[in-house]
Amino acid sequence: MSGSIKWVFLLFLSTLLLTGQVSGGGGCGGTVGDGSEETQAAGSGGTDTDNDGVADSEEGTSGVAAITLAVTGTSITPSNTDGSITATTGLTAQVCFDQTIQSGFFLVTTAASVQLTCGATTATSGAAAVDGTNSRCVNYSGFTVTLPTGTAGCTLSLTHTDKPSNVTINDQSGNATTAGANLDTFGTDGTAPTFAGATSIADNGEGTRAQCPLTCSWSVASDNIGDASGIIYSVYAAVSADSDCNDAADLTAVFGATPTTVTGTTSAAVTVDGGGASVPWVCCGVRSQDPYGNGESNTVLAGGSITCPLL
């Protein structure tokens, strides 16, 4: 082979080797690939088709390693000290997870929100934001609901339109969530105040036999609302037929009377018809109710003689 022909042949062979069209031998150790082979994920023992270092078996369908978020706590504000919901507007739900929620994560986008269902009404949160002091919590605000009466509860659930398939969320009971899955249930205020009833009755020294004035007093009630100033007191009074304030007839007469209603205090001035006597025996009773309509029905009466001077 002449020198020029030999040179052309060697150049052609080199070109084939560089483009991977000829199998290597000896020290080359294998076939030169075309870049289409699937890489083995480091340490995983599985196939990694997208070359991201995570085996396909450990990924969600989006090609990113699966993330599991567990709900560690939920709350609604404002609420009672026992956690029950009291307000109907301006409600904010906080959902906390077992790991930090990065800004821009789907849980804090407009496509992911929570719903609060109370009785016949369901409200969807407006703005969502990572909590300023705890980056594992997301705050959802803007709820307006109608609270059911009594002890009926409200359900907090997660809803979304773009939940990545590689994210799994578990509620506090460990149940994996899907769109609209329940995260927690909150009660509404169905607890009446704790109240001991009337403690004393006093003559205020004014009036007529037809309008006997008196002051009925009591000790402050307590309630799960945590604010005694909001407790409403209904004050009843009536003349006792047997001067003892200690029987069914007195209870019927007192709590059958039209009450005087006051809020956040421990005494009230009321009047009764003296029945023509200048010093009748009068009974008073007091019952309490919280701002959400939960009332108690104690049967405690306080009694005493009240002066009803003549004009």
Protein backbone atom coordinates (compact mmCIF):
# COMPACT_ATOMS: atom_id res chain seq x y z
CA MET A 1 0.00 0.00 0.00
CA SER A 2 1.47 3.29 -1.03
CA GLY A 3 2.12 5.89 1.65
CA SER A 4 -0.67 8.22 0.57
CA ILE A 5 -3.29 5.44 0.48
CA LYS A 6 -2.17 4.17 3.88
CA TRP A 7 -2.49 7.64 5.32
CA VAL A 8 -6.07 8.05 4.01
CA PHE A 9 -7.06 4.64 5.43
CA LEU A 10 -5.73 5.49 8.89
CA LEU A 11 -7.56 8.82 8.86
CA PHE A 12 -10.82 7.06 7.93
CA LEU A 13 -10.37 4.48 10.71
CA SER A 14 -9.74 7.20 13.28
CA THR A 15 -12.95 8.95 12.28
CA LEU A 16 -14.97 5.78 12.77
CA LEU A 17 -13.50 5.23 16.23
CA LEU A 18 -14.29 8.78 17.32
CA THR A 19 -17.94 8.51 16.23
CA GLY A 20 -18.45 5.21 18.08
CA GLN A 21 -19.09 3.08 15.02
CA VAL A 22 -16.36 0.52 15.73
CA SER A 23 -16.14 -1.71 18.81
CA GLY A 24 -13.12 -1.11 20.93
CA GLY A 25 -10.96 -3.99 22.05
CA GLY A 26 -8.07 -4.81 24.31
CA GLY A 27 -7.58 -1.92 26.75
CA CYS A 28 -10.71 -0.04 25.69
CA GLY A 29 -12.86 -2.22 28.00
CA GLY A 30 -16.22 -2.15 26.20
CA THR A 31 -18.41 -0.61 23.54
CA VAL A 32 -18.38 3.11 22.99
CA GLY A 33 -21.98 4.22 23.78
CA ASP A 34 -24.26 6.66 22.01
CA GLY A 35 -25.53 8.28 25.25
CA SER A 36 -28.88 6.45 25.31
CA GLU A 37 -28.03 3.88 28.00
CA GLU A 38 -29.74 4.13 31.41
CA THR A 39 -27.40 5.01 34.24
CA GLN A 40 -27.36 3.02 37.46
CA ALA A 41 -28.27 5.28 40.42
CA ALA A 42 -25.35 5.49 42.81
CA GLY A 43 -25.85 3.12 45.74
CA SER A 44 -29.46 2.44 44.86
CA GLY A 45 -29.14 -0.68 42.77
CA GLY A 46 -31.93 0.61 40.53
CA THR A 47 -32.31 2.28 37.17
CA ASP A 48 -32.09 6.07 36.97
CA THR A 49 -33.53 7.10 33.60
CA ASP A 50 -33.30 10.83 34.22
CA ASN A 51 -29.73 10.71 35.57
CA ASP A 52 -30.63 12.67 38.73
CA GLY A 53 -28.91 10.26 41.09
CA VAL A 54 -32.22 8.86 42.45
CA ALA A 55 -33.48 5.46 41.41
CA ASP A 56 -36.74 5.46 39.47
CA SER A 57 -38.30 3.19 42.12
CA GLU A 58 -37.70 5.89 44.72
CA GLU A 59 -39.22 8.70 42.68
CA GLY A 60 -42.71 9.96 42.00
CA THR A 61 -43.89 10.08 38.46
CA SER A 62 -42.59 13.63 38.11
CA GLY A 63 -39.02 12.37 38.17
CA VAL A 64 -38.18 14.02 41.50
CA ALA A 65 -37.52 12.11 44.70
CA ALA A 66 -40.82 11.54 46.54
CA ILE A 67 -41.52 13.87 49.47
CA THR A 68 -43.76 12.82 52.33
CA LEU A 69 -45.20 15.52 54.56
CA ALA A 70 -46.84 14.57 57.83
CA VAL A 71 -49.26 16.99 59.49
CA THR A 72 -48.10 17.54 63.06
CA GLY A 73 -50.61 20.14 64.17
CA THR A 74 -53.57 22.27 63.12
CA SER A 75 -55.32 25.22 64.72
CA ILE A 76 -58.00 27.81 64.01
CA THR A 77 -57.88 31.40 65.27
CA PRO A 78 -59.71 33.02 66.88
CA SER A 79 -60.99 30.18 69.03
CA ASN A 80 -61.88 29.32 72.60
CA THR A 81 -59.29 28.21 75.12
CA ASP A 82 -60.50 24.64 74.52
CA GLY A 83 -59.82 25.00 70.78
CA SER A 84 -63.44 25.27 69.71
CA ILE A 85 -64.31 27.81 67.04
CA THR A 86 -66.24 30.90 68.06
CA ALA A 87 -66.01 33.53 65.32
CA THR A 88 -67.62 33.44 61.88
CA THR A 89 -65.36 35.84 59.98
CA GLY A 90 -61.65 36.57 59.88
CA LEU A 91 -60.71 32.97 60.62
CA THR A 92 -57.18 31.73 59.96
CA ALA A 93 -56.18 28.07 59.82
CA GLN A 94 -52.61 27.01 60.53
CA VAL A 95 -51.30 23.65 59.34
CA CYS A 96 -47.89 22.52 60.59
CA PHE A 97 -45.76 19.78 59.04
CA ASP A 98 -42.79 17.68 60.09
CA GLN A 99 -40.38 19.56 57.86
CA THR A 100 -39.69 23.05 56.60
CA ILE A 101 -41.99 24.36 53.88
CA GLN A 102 -39.97 26.24 51.29
CA SER A 103 -41.27 29.49 49.88
CA GLY A 104 -43.00 28.76 46.57
CA PHE A 105 -43.92 25.20 47.57
CA PHE A 106 -47.32 24.18 46.24
CA LEU A 107 -48.88 24.35 49.72
CA VAL A 108 -48.46 28.11 49.69
CA THR A 109 -49.65 28.82 46.17
CA THR A 110 -53.12 29.84 45.13
CA ALA A 111 -53.61 26.40 43.63
CA ALA A 112 -53.33 24.78 47.04
CA SER A 113 -55.58 25.79 49.91
CA VAL A 114 -57.62 24.43 52.75
CA GLN A 115 -61.37 24.34 53.15
CA LEU A 116 -63.28 24.81 56.37
CA THR A 117 -66.70 23.16 56.41
CA CYS A 118 -69.06 24.16 59.22
CA GLY A 119 -72.53 22.71 59.00
CA ALA A 120 -74.06 23.75 55.68
CA THR A 121 -71.29 26.21 54.75
CA THR A 122 -67.87 25.55 53.24
CA ALA A 123 -65.27 28.32 53.00
CA THR A 124 -62.05 28.15 50.98
CA SER A 125 -59.03 30.02 52.26
CA GLY A 126 -57.69 33.05 50.45
CA ALA A 127 -54.05 33.95 50.98
CA ALA A 128 -51.58 31.33 52.19
CA ALA A 129 -48.15 32.06 53.63
CA VAL A 130 -45.36 30.30 55.49
CA ASP A 131 -45.55 31.31 59.14
CA GLY A 132 -43.11 34.06 60.07
CA THR A 133 -41.82 32.31 63.20
CA ASN A 134 -42.15 28.64 62.27
CA SER A 135 -41.18 27.71 58.72
CA ARG A 136 -42.82 24.29 59.12
CA CYS A 137 -46.27 25.89 59.34
CA VAL A 138 -48.49 27.41 56.66
CA ASN A 139 -51.18 29.96 57.50
CA TYR A 140 -54.39 30.02 55.45
CA SER A 141 -56.61 33.05 55.97
CA GLY A 142 -59.88 34.54 54.79
CA PHE A 143 -62.55 32.13 56.05
CA THR A 144 -66.17 33.18 56.57
CA VAL A 145 -68.53 30.48 57.80
CA THR A 146 -71.82 29.97 59.59
CA LEU A 147 -71.20 28.07 62.78
CA PRO A 148 -73.59 25.24 63.61
CA THR A 149 -75.33 25.34 66.96
CA GLY A 150 -74.39 23.18 69.92
CA THR A 151 -71.41 20.86 69.74
CA ALA A 152 -71.45 20.24 65.96
CA GLY A 153 -67.94 20.55 64.55
CA CYS A 154 -66.13 22.10 61.61
CA THR A 155 -63.89 20.05 59.31
CA LEU A 156 -60.59 21.31 57.92
CA SER A 157 -59.53 19.69 54.65
CA LEU A 158 -56.80 20.12 52.05
CA THR A 159 -57.70 20.92 48.48
CA HIS A 160 -55.44 21.53 45.49
CA THR A 161 -55.39 21.64 41.71
CA ASP A 162 -51.72 21.06 41.03
CA LYS A 163 -50.51 18.70 43.74
CA PRO A 164 -47.29 17.11 42.44
CA SER A 165 -47.59 13.35 42.20
CA ASN A 166 -44.33 13.00 44.10
CA VAL A 167 -45.73 14.61 47.27
CA THR A 168 -47.72 12.64 49.83
CA ILE A 169 -49.40 14.35 52.78
CA ASN A 170 -50.48 12.41 55.85
CA ASP A 171 -52.97 13.82 58.33
CA GLN A 172 -52.44 13.66 62.08
CA SER A 173 -53.83 10.14 62.19
CA GLY A 174 -51.36 8.96 59.55
CA ASN A 175 -53.90 8.76 56.73
CA ALA A 176 -52.53 9.68 53.31
CA THR A 177 -54.40 12.60 51.83
CA THR A 178 -55.87 13.27 48.44
CA ALA A 179 -57.65 16.37 47.22
CA GLY A 180 -60.22 17.37 49.81
CA ALA A 181 -59.01 14.88 52.42
CA ASN A 182 -59.79 15.64 56.06
CA LEU A 183 -56.93 17.11 58.09
CA ASP A 184 -58.70 17.75 61.38
CA THR A 185 -62.05 18.43 63.04
CA PHE A 186 -62.74 21.38 65.33
CA GLY A 187 -65.70 21.73 67.65
CA THR A 188 -67.80 24.85 67.93
CA ASP A 189 -68.60 26.29 71.33
CA GLY A 190 -71.22 24.12 72.96
CA THR A 191 -70.10 24.67 76.57
CA ALA A 192 -72.15 26.75 78.98
CA PRO A 193 -70.45 28.88 81.63
CA THR A 194 -69.72 27.49 85.08
CA PHE A 195 -71.74 29.59 87.49
CA ALA A 196 -72.79 29.32 91.14
CA GLY A 197 -75.86 31.53 90.85
CA ALA A 198 -77.10 34.38 93.03
CA THR A 199 -75.25 35.01 96.31
CA SER A 200 -77.15 37.83 98.02
CA ILE A 201 -80.03 40.30 97.85
CA ALA A 202 -79.94 43.81 99.29
CA ASP A 203 -82.44 46.59 99.93
CA ASN A 204 -81.53 49.83 98.19
CA GLY A 205 -83.90 51.83 100.41
CA GLU A 206 -86.07 53.43 97.77
CA GLY A 207 -89.39 52.81 96.09
CA THR A 208 -93.03 52.16 96.84
CA ARG A 209 -95.03 49.12 97.78
CA ALA A 210 -95.77 48.62 94.10
CA GLN A 211 -92.16 49.05 93.05
CA CYS A 212 -89.81 47.39 95.52
CA PRO A 213 -86.16 48.09 94.52
CA LEU A 214 -83.36 45.71 95.32
CA THR A 215 -79.85 44.74 94.26
CA CYS A 216 -79.08 41.13 93.42
CA SER A 217 -75.42 40.05 93.48
CA TRP A 218 -73.36 37.05 92.34
CA SER A 219 -69.77 35.90 91.79
CA VAL A 220 -68.34 36.04 88.30
CA ALA A 221 -68.91 33.00 86.09
CA SER A 222 -66.15 31.22 84.17
CA ASP A 223 -66.30 29.92 80.63
CA ASN A 224 -64.15 28.34 77.94
CA ILE A 225 -64.19 31.62 76.04
CA GLY A 226 -61.54 32.72 78.54
CA ASP A 227 -62.98 36.24 78.85
CA ALA A 228 -65.43 36.82 81.69
CA SER A 229 -66.33 40.26 80.37
CA GLY A 230 -68.40 38.65 77.61
CA ILE A 231 -70.65 36.58 79.88
CA ILE A 232 -74.32 37.64 79.92
CA TYR A 233 -76.34 37.45 83.15
CA SER A 234 -80.12 37.26 83.36
CA VAL A 235 -81.36 38.51 86.75
CA TYR A 236 -84.79 37.40 88.03
CA ALA A 237 -86.70 38.44 91.14
CA ALA A 238 -90.10 37.80 92.75
CA VAL A 239 -91.83 38.07 96.15
CA SER A 240 -91.87 34.81 98.12
CA ALA A 241 -95.27 33.63 99.32
CA ASP A 242 -93.78 31.80 102.33
CA SER A 243 -90.71 33.90 103.07
CA ASP A 244 -88.08 31.23 102.55
CA CYS A 245 -86.98 31.21 98.83
CA ASN A 246 -86.53 27.50 99.20
CA ASP A 247 -89.28 25.64 97.38
CA ALA A 248 -90.70 24.88 93.94
CA ALA A 249 -93.23 27.72 94.15
CA ASP A 250 -90.43 30.24 94.68
CA LEU A 251 -88.41 28.80 91.78
CA THR A 252 -91.41 29.06 89.49
CA ALA A 253 -92.17 32.62 90.56
CA VAL A 254 -88.57 33.84 90.27
CA PHE A 255 -87.46 32.22 87.02
CA GLY A 256 -90.88 32.84 85.47
CA ALA A 257 -90.44 36.57 85.88
CA THR A 258 -89.12 38.86 83.14
CA PRO A 259 -85.35 39.13 83.63
CA THR A 260 -83.05 42.11 83.63
CA THR A 261 -80.04 41.39 81.41
CA VAL A 262 -76.53 42.70 82.11
CA THR A 263 -73.07 41.81 80.78
CA GLY A 264 -69.69 41.54 82.45
CA THR A 265 -70.76 42.60 85.97
CA THR A 266 -71.57 40.97 89.31
CA SER A 267 -74.67 42.84 90.45
CA ALA A 268 -77.81 44.43 89.06
CA ALA A 269 -80.66 46.60 90.33
CA VAL A 270 -84.11 45.13 89.79
CA THR A 271 -87.62 45.85 91.08
CA VAL A 272 -90.52 43.68 92.17
CA ASP A 273 -94.14 44.34 93.10
CA GLY A 274 -94.24 44.48 96.87
CA GLY A 275 -97.75 43.11 96.97
CA GLY A 276 -98.92 45.84 99.33
CA ALA A 277 -96.49 44.92 102.11
CA SER A 278 -93.99 47.49 103.32
CA VAL A 279 -91.37 44.80 103.98
CA PRO A 280 -91.96 41.80 101.68
CA TRP A 281 -89.66 38.78 101.46
CA VAL A 282 -88.07 38.81 98.04
CA CYS A 283 -86.07 36.15 96.17
CA CYS A 284 -83.64 36.67 93.31
CA GLY A 285 -81.92 34.26 90.94
CA VAL A 286 -79.26 34.71 88.24
CA ARG A 287 -78.39 32.57 85.23
CA SER A 288 -75.43 32.99 82.88
CA GLN A 289 -74.90 32.62 79.15
CA ASP A 290 -71.81 32.96 76.98
CA PRO A 291 -71.73 35.14 73.84
CA TYR A 292 -72.43 32.09 71.65
CA GLY A 293 -75.77 31.25 73.21
CA ASN A 294 -74.72 28.51 75.65
CA GLY A 295 -76.61 28.99 78.90
CA GLU A 296 -76.83 27.15 82.20
CA SER A 297 -79.95 26.67 84.36
CA ASN A 298 -78.96 26.80 88.00
CA THR A 299 -81.75 26.83 90.62
CA VAL A 300 -79.99 28.87 93.30
CA LEU A 301 -82.05 31.60 94.97
CA ALA A 302 -80.94 34.35 97.33
CA GLY A 303 -83.59 35.91 99.56
CA GLY A 304 -84.23 38.63 102.11
CA SER A 305 -86.69 41.22 103.36
CA ILE A 306 -86.78 44.36 101.25
CA THR A 307 -88.11 47.69 102.49
CA CYS A 308 -90.76 49.23 100.25
CA PRO A 309 -91.53 52.58 101.99
CA LEU A 310 -94.79 54.42 101.48
CA LEU A 311 -94.73 57.57 99.39
